[in-house]
Amino acid sequence: MQNVTPIAIAALALELAPAVLFGCAAERIVRAVGRWPAALRLGFPATLVLPYLLVAISAHMFRWRWCALYAGLPVIAAWLLARAAVADPQQRGNWRDALILLALGLAVDMRWFETAWPAGLRALNELLLVDVGLYGFLAVRQLSGTGYDFHLHWSDWKTGLRELVFFAPPVLVLGVALGFIHPHANRPGMGWAALRWVEIFFFTSLPEELFFRAWVQNLLERRVGRRAALGIASVLFGLSHFNKRSAHFNWRYVLLATIAGIFYGRAWREHRRVVASTITHASVDWLWGLWF
């Protein structure tokens, strides 16, 4: 992020805290939240407005409408997902789940809320929306089978890198044939390259894998089965890239991202582990950035 200041770092820390806590101790957090009174459980996510307040006030960009949005949206999401938990205890997917996922997905893809933030800190908006989903789906909805867990297993690396090996050769050939990617020489230092992979893992790939695999594909599987869920989630993942690197509908990116989504989805569903699909995803983006 640009414009890195102590205030921006504090806001980033506040937004990363839920992701880290759920990744390290999700079961304990879910049990603790479950013991709270209903009013506290549904009202607590309003505190997610704090990063916006820190950044907006320090940058002299505070607007009441954005404050109301960032305080109200998490509460509305929690309330809807609490109702979904009652209406759909089997967790086969409820219209409220779809509504929240649609709202979060479109808000990110269409960049609806980014103008609330200074130009160099707009990534904080996406992290805040990830926190809204984490609290709603994990703490309130208590959605099972997400595989959102930072305790790495050897199988995560084995599965993630295997899907990378399956995916990379044919898609690189297709990408070059379509004129979408072009080989280039880029030889960064090993330290920089490793840090770049970690950055992509946590700030690009992990949020997308959480959304499309742990939530979307996970819920779809219960409705339409494994194969159809993989296909639908992959198409949705591809379509989410329609406006990337282009002012118009970027069909090449959509096609390649859809194919990528199949392999990411395969990595997730083998042991239902977000870390596994994130390893594949981060490695693809990292290699692409280094050599294409």
C-alpha atoms as a PDB file:
ATOM      1  CA  MET A   1       0.000   0.000   0.000  1.00  0.00           C
ATOM      2  CA  GLN A   2       1.026   3.573  -0.664  1.00  0.00           C
ATOM      3  CA  ASN A   3       0.631   6.381   1.858  1.00  0.00           C
ATOM      4  CA  VAL A   4       1.855   4.161   4.652  1.00  0.00           C
ATOM      5  CA  THR A   5       1.555   6.068   7.912  1.00  0.00           C
ATOM      6  CA  PRO A   6       1.232   4.954  11.541  1.00  0.00           C
ATOM      7  CA  ILE A   7      -2.539   5.441  11.205  1.00  0.00           C
ATOM      8  CA  ALA A   8      -2.644   3.292   8.064  1.00  0.00           C
ATOM      9  CA  ILE A   9      -0.581   0.583   9.775  1.00  0.00           C
ATOM     10  CA  ALA A  10      -2.939   0.638  12.769  1.00  0.00           C
ATOM     11  CA  ALA A  11      -5.960   0.324  10.461  1.00  0.00           C
ATOM     12  CA  LEU A  12      -4.303  -2.560   8.609  1.00  0.00           C
ATOM     13  CA  ALA A  13      -3.559  -4.311  11.911  1.00  0.00           C
ATOM     14  CA  LEU A  14      -7.193  -3.950  12.989  1.00  0.00           C
ATOM     15  CA  GLU A  15      -8.373  -5.459   9.703  1.00  0.00           C
ATOM     16  CA  LEU A  16      -5.868  -8.308   9.737  1.00  0.00           C
ATOM     17  CA  ALA A  17      -6.692  -9.278  13.324  1.00  0.00           C
ATOM     18  CA  PRO A  18     -10.009 -11.083  12.545  1.00  0.00           C
ATOM     19  CA  ALA A  19      -8.444 -12.978   9.625  1.00  0.00           C
ATOM     20  CA  VAL A  20      -5.523 -14.140  11.775  1.00  0.00           C
ATOM     21  CA  LEU A  21      -7.675 -15.019  14.788  1.00  0.00           C
ATOM     22  CA  PHE A  22     -10.158 -17.052  12.765  1.00  0.00           C
ATOM     23  CA  GLY A  23      -7.307 -18.735  10.904  1.00  0.00           C
ATOM     24  CA  CYS A  24      -5.570 -19.745  14.131  1.00  0.00           C
ATOM     25  CA  ALA A  25      -8.431 -20.352  16.575  1.00  0.00           C
ATOM     26  CA  ALA A  26     -11.736 -20.456  14.700  1.00  0.00           C
ATOM     27  CA  GLU A  27     -13.410 -23.086  16.882  1.00  0.00           C
ATOM     28  CA  ARG A  28     -12.647 -21.235  20.112  1.00  0.00           C
ATOM     29  CA  ILE A  29     -13.869 -17.953  18.657  1.00  0.00           C
ATOM     30  CA  VAL A  30     -17.093 -19.532  17.402  1.00  0.00           C
ATOM     31  CA  ARG A  31     -17.774 -21.074  20.820  1.00  0.00           C
ATOM     32  CA  ALA A  32     -17.070 -17.779  22.578  1.00  0.00           C
ATOM     33  CA  VAL A  33     -19.296 -15.754  20.241  1.00  0.00           C
ATOM     34  CA  GLY A  34     -22.023 -18.379  20.597  1.00  0.00           C
ATOM     35  CA  ARG A  35     -22.177 -17.681  24.353  1.00  0.00           C
ATOM     36  CA  TRP A  36     -22.755 -13.966  23.855  1.00  0.00           C
ATOM     37  CA  PRO A  37     -26.257 -12.484  24.185  1.00  0.00           C
ATOM     38  CA  ALA A  38     -27.929 -12.150  20.795  1.00  0.00           C
ATOM     39  CA  ALA A  39     -27.796  -8.342  20.861  1.00  0.00           C
ATOM     40  CA  LEU A  40     -24.046  -8.351  21.459  1.00  0.00           C
ATOM     41  CA  ARG A  41     -23.422 -11.108  18.895  1.00  0.00           C
ATOM     42  CA  LEU A  42     -25.261  -9.157  16.179  1.00  0.00           C
ATOM     43  CA  GLY A  43     -24.099  -5.690  17.224  1.00  0.00           C
ATOM     44  CA  PHE A  44     -20.424  -6.444  17.767  1.00  0.00           C
ATOM     45  CA  PRO A  45     -19.435  -6.371  14.064  1.00  0.00           C
ATOM     46  CA  ALA A  46     -20.291  -2.662  14.001  1.00  0.00           C
ATOM     47  CA  THR A  47     -16.812  -2.241  15.492  1.00  0.00           C
ATOM     48  CA  LEU A  48     -15.443  -3.059  12.041  1.00  0.00           C
ATOM     49  CA  VAL A  49     -16.039   0.619  11.257  1.00  0.00           C
ATOM     50  CA  LEU A  50     -12.964   1.531  13.344  1.00  0.00           C
ATOM     51  CA  PRO A  51     -10.373   1.216  10.532  1.00  0.00           C
ATOM     52  CA  TYR A  52     -12.461   3.531   8.371  1.00  0.00           C
ATOM     53  CA  LEU A  53     -12.739   6.062  11.194  1.00  0.00           C
ATOM     54  CA  LEU A  54      -8.976   6.005  11.798  1.00  0.00           C
ATOM     55  CA  VAL A  55      -8.072   6.520   8.151  1.00  0.00           C
ATOM     56  CA  ALA A  56     -10.869   8.874   7.148  1.00  0.00           C
ATOM     57  CA  ILE A  57     -10.489  11.245  10.072  1.00  0.00           C
ATOM     58  CA  SER A  58      -6.701  11.412   9.728  1.00  0.00           C
ATOM     59  CA  ALA A  59      -7.025  12.054   5.961  1.00  0.00           C
ATOM     60  CA  HIS A  60      -9.840  14.612   6.438  1.00  0.00           C
ATOM     61  CA  MET A  61     -12.141  12.426   4.308  1.00  0.00           C
ATOM     62  CA  PHE A  62     -14.731  11.456   6.909  1.00  0.00           C
ATOM     63  CA  ARG A  63     -18.290  11.186   5.588  1.00  0.00           C
ATOM     64  CA  TRP A  64     -21.278  10.136   7.652  1.00  0.00           C
ATOM     65  CA  ARG A  65     -22.695   8.011   4.824  1.00  0.00           C
ATOM     66  CA  TRP A  66     -19.541   5.882   4.692  1.00  0.00           C
ATOM     67  CA  CYS A  67     -19.460   5.638   8.470  1.00  0.00           C
ATOM     68  CA  ALA A  68     -23.064   4.416   8.467  1.00  0.00           C
ATOM     69  CA  LEU A  69     -22.262   1.928   5.710  1.00  0.00           C
ATOM     70  CA  TYR A  70     -19.226   0.408   7.420  1.00  0.00           C
ATOM     71  CA  ALA A  71     -20.999   0.257  10.790  1.00  0.00           C
ATOM     72  CA  GLY A  72     -24.316  -0.968   9.404  1.00  0.00           C
ATOM     73  CA  LEU A  73     -23.322  -3.445   6.698  1.00  0.00           C
ATOM     74  CA  PRO A  74     -21.575  -5.871   9.111  1.00  0.00           C
ATOM     75  CA  VAL A  75     -24.581  -5.796  11.454  1.00  0.00           C
ATOM     76  CA  ILE A  76     -27.053  -6.406   8.619  1.00  0.00           C
ATOM     77  CA  ALA A  77     -24.889  -9.251   7.302  1.00  0.00           C
ATOM     78  CA  ALA A  78     -24.685 -10.829  10.761  1.00  0.00           C
ATOM     79  CA  TRP A  79     -28.446 -10.524  11.244  1.00  0.00           C
ATOM     80  CA  LEU A  80     -29.241 -12.065   7.862  1.00  0.00           C
ATOM     81  CA  LEU A  81     -26.807 -14.919   8.411  1.00  0.00           C
ATOM     82  CA  ALA A  82     -28.224 -15.543  11.886  1.00  0.00           C
ATOM     83  CA  ARG A  83     -31.650 -15.891  10.244  1.00  0.00           C
ATOM     84  CA  ALA A  84     -30.115 -18.179   7.621  1.00  0.00           C
ATOM     85  CA  ALA A  85     -28.714 -20.394  10.374  1.00  0.00           C
ATOM     86  CA  VAL A  86     -32.218 -20.789  11.836  1.00  0.00           C
ATOM     87  CA  ALA A  87     -33.956 -21.289   8.483  1.00  0.00           C
ATOM     88  CA  ASP A  88     -31.303 -23.657   7.086  1.00  0.00           C
ATOM     89  CA  PRO A  89     -29.699 -25.676   9.897  1.00  0.00           C
ATOM     90  CA  GLN A  90     -28.543 -28.295   7.356  1.00  0.00           C
ATOM     91  CA  GLN A  91     -26.478 -25.557   5.682  1.00  0.00           C
ATOM     92  CA  ARG A  92     -27.644 -26.378   2.185  1.00  0.00           C
ATOM     93  CA  GLY A  93     -27.626 -22.702   1.269  1.00  0.00           C
ATOM     94  CA  ASN A  94     -30.248 -20.047   1.836  1.00  0.00           C
ATOM     95  CA  TRP A  95     -31.235 -16.955  -0.142  1.00  0.00           C
ATOM     96  CA  ARG A  96     -29.690 -14.871   2.630  1.00  0.00           C
ATOM     97  CA  ASP A  97     -26.315 -16.540   2.053  1.00  0.00           C
ATOM     98  CA  ALA A  98     -26.571 -15.739  -1.650  1.00  0.00           C
ATOM     99  CA  LEU A  99     -27.562 -12.137  -0.953  1.00  0.00           C
ATOM    100  CA  ILE A 100     -24.577 -11.509   1.323  1.00  0.00           C
ATOM    101  CA  LEU A 101     -22.151 -13.186  -1.091  1.00  0.00           C
ATOM    102  CA  LEU A 102     -23.572 -11.200  -4.019  1.00  0.00           C
ATOM    103  CA  ALA A 103     -23.284  -7.927  -2.106  1.00  0.00           C
ATOM    104  CA  LEU A 104     -19.704  -8.580  -0.974  1.00  0.00           C
ATOM    105  CA  GLY A 105     -18.593  -9.855  -4.373  1.00  0.00           C
ATOM    106  CA  LEU A 106     -20.079  -6.967  -6.347  1.00  0.00           C
ATOM    107  CA  ALA A 107     -18.797  -4.397  -3.866  1.00  0.00           C
ATOM    108  CA  VAL A 108     -15.252  -5.614  -4.509  1.00  0.00           C
ATOM    109  CA  ASP A 109     -15.502  -6.207  -8.264  1.00  0.00           C
ATOM    110  CA  MET A 110     -17.366  -2.986  -9.024  1.00  0.00           C
ATOM    111  CA  ARG A 111     -15.256  -0.971  -6.549  1.00  0.00           C
ATOM    112  CA  TRP A 112     -18.403   0.514  -5.043  1.00  0.00           C
ATOM    113  CA  PHE A 113     -16.869   1.726  -1.793  1.00  0.00           C
ATOM    114  CA  GLU A 114     -13.290   2.535  -2.774  1.00  0.00           C
ATOM    115  CA  THR A 115     -13.841   6.296  -2.966  1.00  0.00           C
ATOM    116  CA  ALA A 116     -14.322   6.280   0.806  1.00  0.00           C
ATOM    117  CA  TRP A 117     -10.562   5.741   1.184  1.00  0.00           C
ATOM    118  CA  PRO A 118      -7.452   7.689   0.198  1.00  0.00           C
ATOM    119  CA  ALA A 119      -6.126   6.604  -3.203  1.00  0.00           C
ATOM    120  CA  GLY A 120      -3.196   4.592  -1.854  1.00  0.00           C
ATOM    121  CA  LEU A 121      -5.189   2.804   0.853  1.00  0.00           C
ATOM    122  CA  ARG A 122      -8.174   1.451  -1.037  1.00  0.00           C
ATOM    123  CA  ALA A 123      -7.081  -2.141  -0.452  1.00  0.00           C
ATOM    124  CA  LEU A 124      -8.237  -1.595   3.137  1.00  0.00           C
ATOM    125  CA  ASN A 125     -11.795  -1.592   1.815  1.00  0.00           C
ATOM    126  CA  GLU A 126     -11.437  -5.150   0.509  1.00  0.00           C
ATOM    127  CA  LEU A 127      -9.891  -6.384   3.748  1.00  0.00           C
ATOM    128  CA  LEU A 128     -12.740  -4.847   5.727  1.00  0.00           C
ATOM    129  CA  LEU A 129     -15.293  -6.656   3.556  1.00  0.00           C
ATOM    130  CA  VAL A 130     -13.390  -9.911   4.119  1.00  0.00           C
ATOM    131  CA  ASP A 131     -13.792  -9.338   7.854  1.00  0.00           C
ATOM    132  CA  VAL A 132     -17.532  -8.821   7.384  1.00  0.00           C
ATOM    133  CA  GLY A 133     -17.759 -12.211   5.688  1.00  0.00           C
ATOM    134  CA  LEU A 134     -15.513 -13.964   8.187  1.00  0.00           C
ATOM    135  CA  TYR A 135     -17.532 -12.846  11.175  1.00  0.00           C
ATOM    136  CA  GLY A 136     -20.871 -13.492   9.483  1.00  0.00           C
ATOM    137  CA  PHE A 137     -20.202 -16.882   7.934  1.00  0.00           C
ATOM    138  CA  LEU A 138     -17.896 -18.355  10.582  1.00  0.00           C
ATOM    139  CA  ALA A 139     -18.950 -16.820  13.901  1.00  0.00           C
ATOM    140  CA  VAL A 140     -22.676 -16.307  13.279  1.00  0.00           C
ATOM    141  CA  ARG A 141     -23.686 -18.704  10.489  1.00  0.00           C
ATOM    142  CA  GLN A 142     -21.126 -21.241  11.772  1.00  0.00           C
ATOM    143  CA  LEU A 143     -20.694 -22.563   8.239  1.00  0.00           C
ATOM    144  CA  SER A 144     -18.923 -25.914   8.333  1.00  0.00           C
ATOM    145  CA  GLY A 145     -16.372 -27.335   5.927  1.00  0.00           C
ATOM    146  CA  THR A 146     -14.788 -24.040   4.930  1.00  0.00           C
ATOM    147  CA  GLY A 147     -11.235 -25.218   5.599  1.00  0.00           C
ATOM    148  CA  TYR A 148     -10.142 -21.752   6.688  1.00  0.00           C
ATOM    149  CA  ASP A 149      -7.222 -22.794   8.894  1.00  0.00           C
ATOM    150  CA  PHE A 150      -3.682 -21.433   9.093  1.00  0.00           C
ATOM    151  CA  HIS A 151      -2.233 -24.594  10.649  1.00  0.00           C
ATOM    152  CA  LEU A 152      -0.285 -25.785   7.624  1.00  0.00           C
ATOM    153  CA  HIS A 153      -0.148 -29.474   6.742  1.00  0.00           C
ATOM    154  CA  TRP A 154       2.250 -31.199   4.365  1.00  0.00           C
ATOM    155  CA  SER A 155      -0.785 -32.233   2.329  1.00  0.00           C
ATOM    156  CA  ASP A 156      -1.576 -28.550   1.697  1.00  0.00           C
ATOM    157  CA  TRP A 157       1.733 -28.099  -0.119  1.00  0.00           C
ATOM    158  CA  LYS A 158       1.442 -31.446  -1.889  1.00  0.00           C
ATOM    159  CA  THR A 159      -2.063 -30.702  -3.168  1.00  0.00           C
ATOM    160  CA  GLY A 160      -1.439 -27.056  -3.957  1.00  0.00           C
ATOM    161  CA  LEU A 161       1.764 -27.625  -5.913  1.00  0.00           C
ATOM    162  CA  ARG A 162       0.342 -30.672  -7.705  1.00  0.00           C
ATOM    163  CA  GLU A 163      -2.516 -28.580  -9.086  1.00  0.00           C
ATOM    164  CA  LEU A 164       0.002 -25.919 -10.111  1.00  0.00           C
ATOM    165  CA  VAL A 165       1.922 -28.526 -12.130  1.00  0.00           C
ATOM    166  CA  PHE A 166      -1.306 -29.748 -13.777  1.00  0.00           C
ATOM    167  CA  PHE A 167      -2.520 -26.227 -14.528  1.00  0.00           C
ATOM    168  CA  ALA A 168       0.535 -24.271 -15.627  1.00  0.00           C
ATOM    169  CA  PRO A 169       1.692 -25.912 -18.908  1.00  0.00           C
ATOM    170  CA  PRO A 170      -1.577 -25.948 -20.891  1.00  0.00           C
ATOM    171  CA  VAL A 171      -2.715 -22.535 -19.663  1.00  0.00           C
ATOM    172  CA  LEU A 172       0.648 -20.907 -20.366  1.00  0.00           C
ATOM    173  CA  VAL A 173       0.436 -22.211 -23.940  1.00  0.00           C
ATOM    174  CA  LEU A 174      -3.157 -20.982 -24.256  1.00  0.00           C
ATOM    175  CA  GLY A 175      -2.324 -17.607 -22.711  1.00  0.00           C
ATOM    176  CA  VAL A 176       0.552 -17.035 -25.138  1.00  0.00           C
ATOM    177  CA  ALA A 177      -1.561 -18.211 -28.092  1.00  0.00           C
ATOM    178  CA  LEU A 178      -4.303 -15.727 -27.153  1.00  0.00           C
ATOM    179  CA  GLY A 179      -1.782 -12.922 -26.824  1.00  0.00           C
ATOM    180  CA  PHE A 180      -2.808 -12.419 -23.200  1.00  0.00           C
ATOM    181  CA  ILE A 181       0.593 -13.136 -21.682  1.00  0.00           C
ATOM    182  CA  HIS A 182       4.070 -12.544 -23.057  1.00  0.00           C
ATOM    183  CA  PRO A 183       7.297 -14.096 -21.747  1.00  0.00           C
ATOM    184  CA  HIS A 184       9.818 -11.629 -20.379  1.00  0.00           C
ATOM    185  CA  ALA A 185      13.063 -11.791 -18.447  1.00  0.00           C
ATOM    186  CA  ASN A 186      12.742 -10.802 -14.803  1.00  0.00           C
ATOM    187  CA  ARG A 187      15.368 -11.987 -12.342  1.00  0.00           C
ATOM    188  CA  PRO A 188      14.648 -10.483  -8.919  1.00  0.00           C
ATOM    189  CA  GLY A 189      16.661 -11.387  -5.856  1.00  0.00           C
ATOM    190  CA  MET A 190      15.597 -14.490  -3.991  1.00  0.00           C
ATOM    191  CA  GLY A 191      14.615 -12.477  -0.935  1.00  0.00           C
ATOM    192  CA  TRP A 192      12.401 -10.122  -2.910  1.00  0.00           C
ATOM    193  CA  ALA A 193      10.824 -13.001  -4.817  1.00  0.00           C
ATOM    194  CA  ALA A 194       9.996 -14.855  -1.591  1.00  0.00           C
ATOM    195  CA  LEU A 195       8.473 -11.744  -0.014  1.00  0.00           C
ATOM    196  CA  ARG A 196       6.445 -11.150  -3.145  1.00  0.00           C
ATOM    197  CA  TRP A 197       5.000 -14.693  -2.940  1.00  0.00           C
ATOM    198  CA  VAL A 198       4.017 -14.136   0.698  1.00  0.00           C
ATOM    199  CA  GLU A 199       2.385 -10.804  -0.176  1.00  0.00           C
ATOM    200  CA  ILE A 200       0.364 -12.377  -2.986  1.00  0.00           C
ATOM    201  CA  PHE A 201      -0.584 -15.309  -0.745  1.00  0.00           C
ATOM    202  CA  PHE A 202      -2.073 -13.200   2.051  1.00  0.00           C
ATOM    203  CA  PHE A 203      -3.389 -10.102   0.301  1.00  0.00           C
ATOM    204  CA  THR A 204      -4.587 -11.384  -3.090  1.00  0.00           C
ATOM    205  CA  SER A 205      -5.040 -15.141  -3.205  1.00  0.00           C
ATOM    206  CA  LEU A 206      -6.285 -15.854   0.324  1.00  0.00           C
ATOM    207  CA  PRO A 207      -9.269 -13.444   0.224  1.00  0.00           C
ATOM    208  CA  GLU A 208     -10.331 -14.754  -3.190  1.00  0.00           C
ATOM    209  CA  GLU A 209      -9.993 -18.396  -2.169  1.00  0.00           C
ATOM    210  CA  LEU A 210     -11.920 -17.734   1.023  1.00  0.00           C
ATOM    211  CA  PHE A 211     -14.762 -16.204  -0.973  1.00  0.00           C
ATOM    212  CA  PHE A 212     -14.953 -18.524  -3.984  1.00  0.00           C
ATOM    213  CA  ARG A 213     -13.992 -21.822  -2.387  1.00  0.00           C
ATOM    214  CA  ALA A 214     -14.788 -21.711   1.358  1.00  0.00           C
ATOM    215  CA  TRP A 215     -18.078 -19.908   0.883  1.00  0.00           C
ATOM    216  CA  VAL A 216     -19.347 -20.123  -2.715  1.00  0.00           C
ATOM    217  CA  GLN A 217     -18.154 -23.595  -3.766  1.00  0.00           C
ATOM    218  CA  ASN A 218     -18.757 -24.968  -0.281  1.00  0.00           C
ATOM    219  CA  LEU A 219     -22.421 -23.919  -0.262  1.00  0.00           C
ATOM    220  CA  LEU A 220     -22.974 -24.898  -3.904  1.00  0.00           C
ATOM    221  CA  GLU A 221     -21.723 -28.431  -3.260  1.00  0.00           C
ATOM    222  CA  ARG A 222     -24.574 -28.988  -0.817  1.00  0.00           C
ATOM    223  CA  ARG A 223     -27.103 -27.979  -3.459  1.00  0.00           C
ATOM    224  CA  VAL A 224     -25.808 -29.224  -6.788  1.00  0.00           C
ATOM    225  CA  GLY A 225     -23.005 -31.694  -6.028  1.00  0.00           C
ATOM    226  CA  ARG A 226     -19.224 -31.572  -6.314  1.00  0.00           C
ATOM    227  CA  ARG A 227     -18.802 -31.412 -10.075  1.00  0.00           C
ATOM    228  CA  ALA A 228     -21.461 -28.817 -10.762  1.00  0.00           C
ATOM    229  CA  ALA A 229     -20.312 -26.723  -7.799  1.00  0.00           C
ATOM    230  CA  LEU A 230     -16.748 -26.772  -9.107  1.00  0.00           C
ATOM    231  CA  GLY A 231     -17.908 -25.663 -12.547  1.00  0.00           C
ATOM    232  CA  ILE A 232     -20.223 -22.904 -11.327  1.00  0.00           C
ATOM    233  CA  ALA A 233     -17.722 -21.530  -8.815  1.00  0.00           C
ATOM    234  CA  SER A 234     -15.011 -21.536 -11.497  1.00  0.00           C
ATOM    235  CA  VAL A 235     -17.198 -19.619 -13.958  1.00  0.00           C
ATOM    236  CA  LEU A 236     -18.094 -17.087 -11.267  1.00  0.00           C
ATOM    237  CA  PHE A 237     -14.411 -16.740 -10.424  1.00  0.00           C
ATOM    238  CA  GLY A 238     -13.630 -16.162 -14.091  1.00  0.00           C
ATOM    239  CA  LEU A 239     -16.383 -13.573 -14.471  1.00  0.00           C
ATOM    240  CA  SER A 240     -15.083 -11.692 -11.448  1.00  0.00           C
ATOM    241  CA  HIS A 241     -12.055 -10.814 -13.608  1.00  0.00           C
ATOM    242  CA  PHE A 242     -14.097  -9.279 -16.434  1.00  0.00           C
ATOM    243  CA  ASN A 243     -12.877  -5.745 -15.742  1.00  0.00           C
ATOM    244  CA  LYS A 244      -9.278  -6.503 -14.827  1.00  0.00           C
ATOM    245  CA  ARG A 245      -6.508  -5.023 -16.990  1.00  0.00           C
ATOM    246  CA  SER A 246      -9.078  -3.599 -19.401  1.00  0.00           C
ATOM    247  CA  ALA A 247     -11.684  -0.864 -19.643  1.00  0.00           C
ATOM    248  CA  HIS A 248     -14.021  -3.318 -21.378  1.00  0.00           C
ATOM    249  CA  PHE A 249     -15.085  -6.938 -20.913  1.00  0.00           C
ATOM    250  CA  ASN A 250     -11.793  -8.822 -20.887  1.00  0.00           C
ATOM    251  CA  TRP A 251     -12.876 -12.193 -22.266  1.00  0.00           C
ATOM    252  CA  ARG A 252      -9.321 -13.577 -22.371  1.00  0.00           C
ATOM    253  CA  TYR A 253      -8.864 -12.934 -18.673  1.00  0.00           C
ATOM    254  CA  VAL A 254     -12.294 -14.411 -17.923  1.00  0.00           C
ATOM    255  CA  LEU A 255     -11.469 -17.573 -19.895  1.00  0.00           C
ATOM    256  CA  LEU A 256      -8.072 -18.125 -18.289  1.00  0.00           C
ATOM    257  CA  ALA A 257      -9.358 -17.279 -14.805  1.00  0.00           C
ATOM    258  CA  THR A 258     -12.230 -19.749 -15.249  1.00  0.00           C
ATOM    259  CA  ILE A 259      -9.770 -22.512 -16.133  1.00  0.00           C
ATOM    260  CA  ALA A 260      -7.597 -21.488 -13.185  1.00  0.00           C
ATOM    261  CA  GLY A 261     -10.650 -21.645 -10.930  1.00  0.00           C
ATOM    262  CA  ILE A 262     -11.122 -25.323 -11.805  1.00  0.00           C
ATOM    263  CA  PHE A 263      -7.664 -26.178 -10.507  1.00  0.00           C
ATOM    264  CA  TYR A 264      -7.991 -23.940  -7.455  1.00  0.00           C
ATOM    265  CA  GLY A 265     -11.322 -25.575  -6.699  1.00  0.00           C
ATOM    266  CA  ARG A 266      -9.821 -29.036  -7.073  1.00  0.00           C
ATOM    267  CA  ALA A 267      -7.075 -28.111  -4.629  1.00  0.00           C
ATOM    268  CA  TRP A 268      -9.601 -26.852  -2.068  1.00  0.00           C
ATOM    269  CA  ARG A 269     -12.033 -29.735  -2.278  1.00  0.00           C
ATOM    270  CA  GLU A 270      -9.475 -32.541  -1.919  1.00  0.00           C
ATOM    271  CA  HIS A 271      -9.213 -31.978   1.837  1.00  0.00           C
ATOM    272  CA  ARG A 272     -11.444 -28.882   2.050  1.00  0.00           C
ATOM    273  CA  ARG A 273      -8.465 -26.661   2.835  1.00  0.00           C
ATOM    274  CA  VAL A 274      -8.322 -22.996   1.826  1.00  0.00           C
ATOM    275  CA  VAL A 275      -4.559 -22.976   2.355  1.00  0.00           C
ATOM    276  CA  ALA A 276      -4.098 -25.654  -0.325  1.00  0.00           C
ATOM    277  CA  SER A 277      -5.971 -23.727  -3.025  1.00  0.00           C
ATOM    278  CA  THR A 278      -4.277 -20.507  -1.923  1.00  0.00           C
ATOM    279  CA  ILE A 279      -0.861 -22.113  -2.476  1.00  0.00           C
ATOM    280  CA  THR A 280      -1.858 -22.953  -6.052  1.00  0.00           C
ATOM    281  CA  HIS A 281      -3.376 -19.527  -6.637  1.00  0.00           C
ATOM    282  CA  ALA A 282      -0.477 -17.568  -5.144  1.00  0.00           C
ATOM    283  CA  SER A 283       2.077 -19.611  -7.064  1.00  0.00           C
ATOM    284  CA  VAL A 284       0.280 -19.010 -10.374  1.00  0.00           C
ATOM    285  CA  ASP A 285       0.094 -15.254  -9.789  1.00  0.00           C
ATOM    286  CA  TRP A 286       3.717 -15.193  -8.609  1.00  0.00           C
ATOM    287  CA  LEU A 287       5.033 -17.038 -11.655  1.00  0.00           C
ATOM    288  CA  TRP A 288       2.921 -14.892 -13.930  1.00  0.00           C
ATOM    289  CA  GLY A 289       4.338 -11.725 -12.383  1.00  0.00           C
ATOM    290  CA  LEU A 290       7.922 -12.976 -12.615  1.00  0.00           C
ATOM    291  CA  TRP A 291       8.003 -14.407 -16.112  1.00  0.00           C
ATOM    292  CA  PHE A 292       4.938 -13.183 -18.064  1.00  0.00           C
END
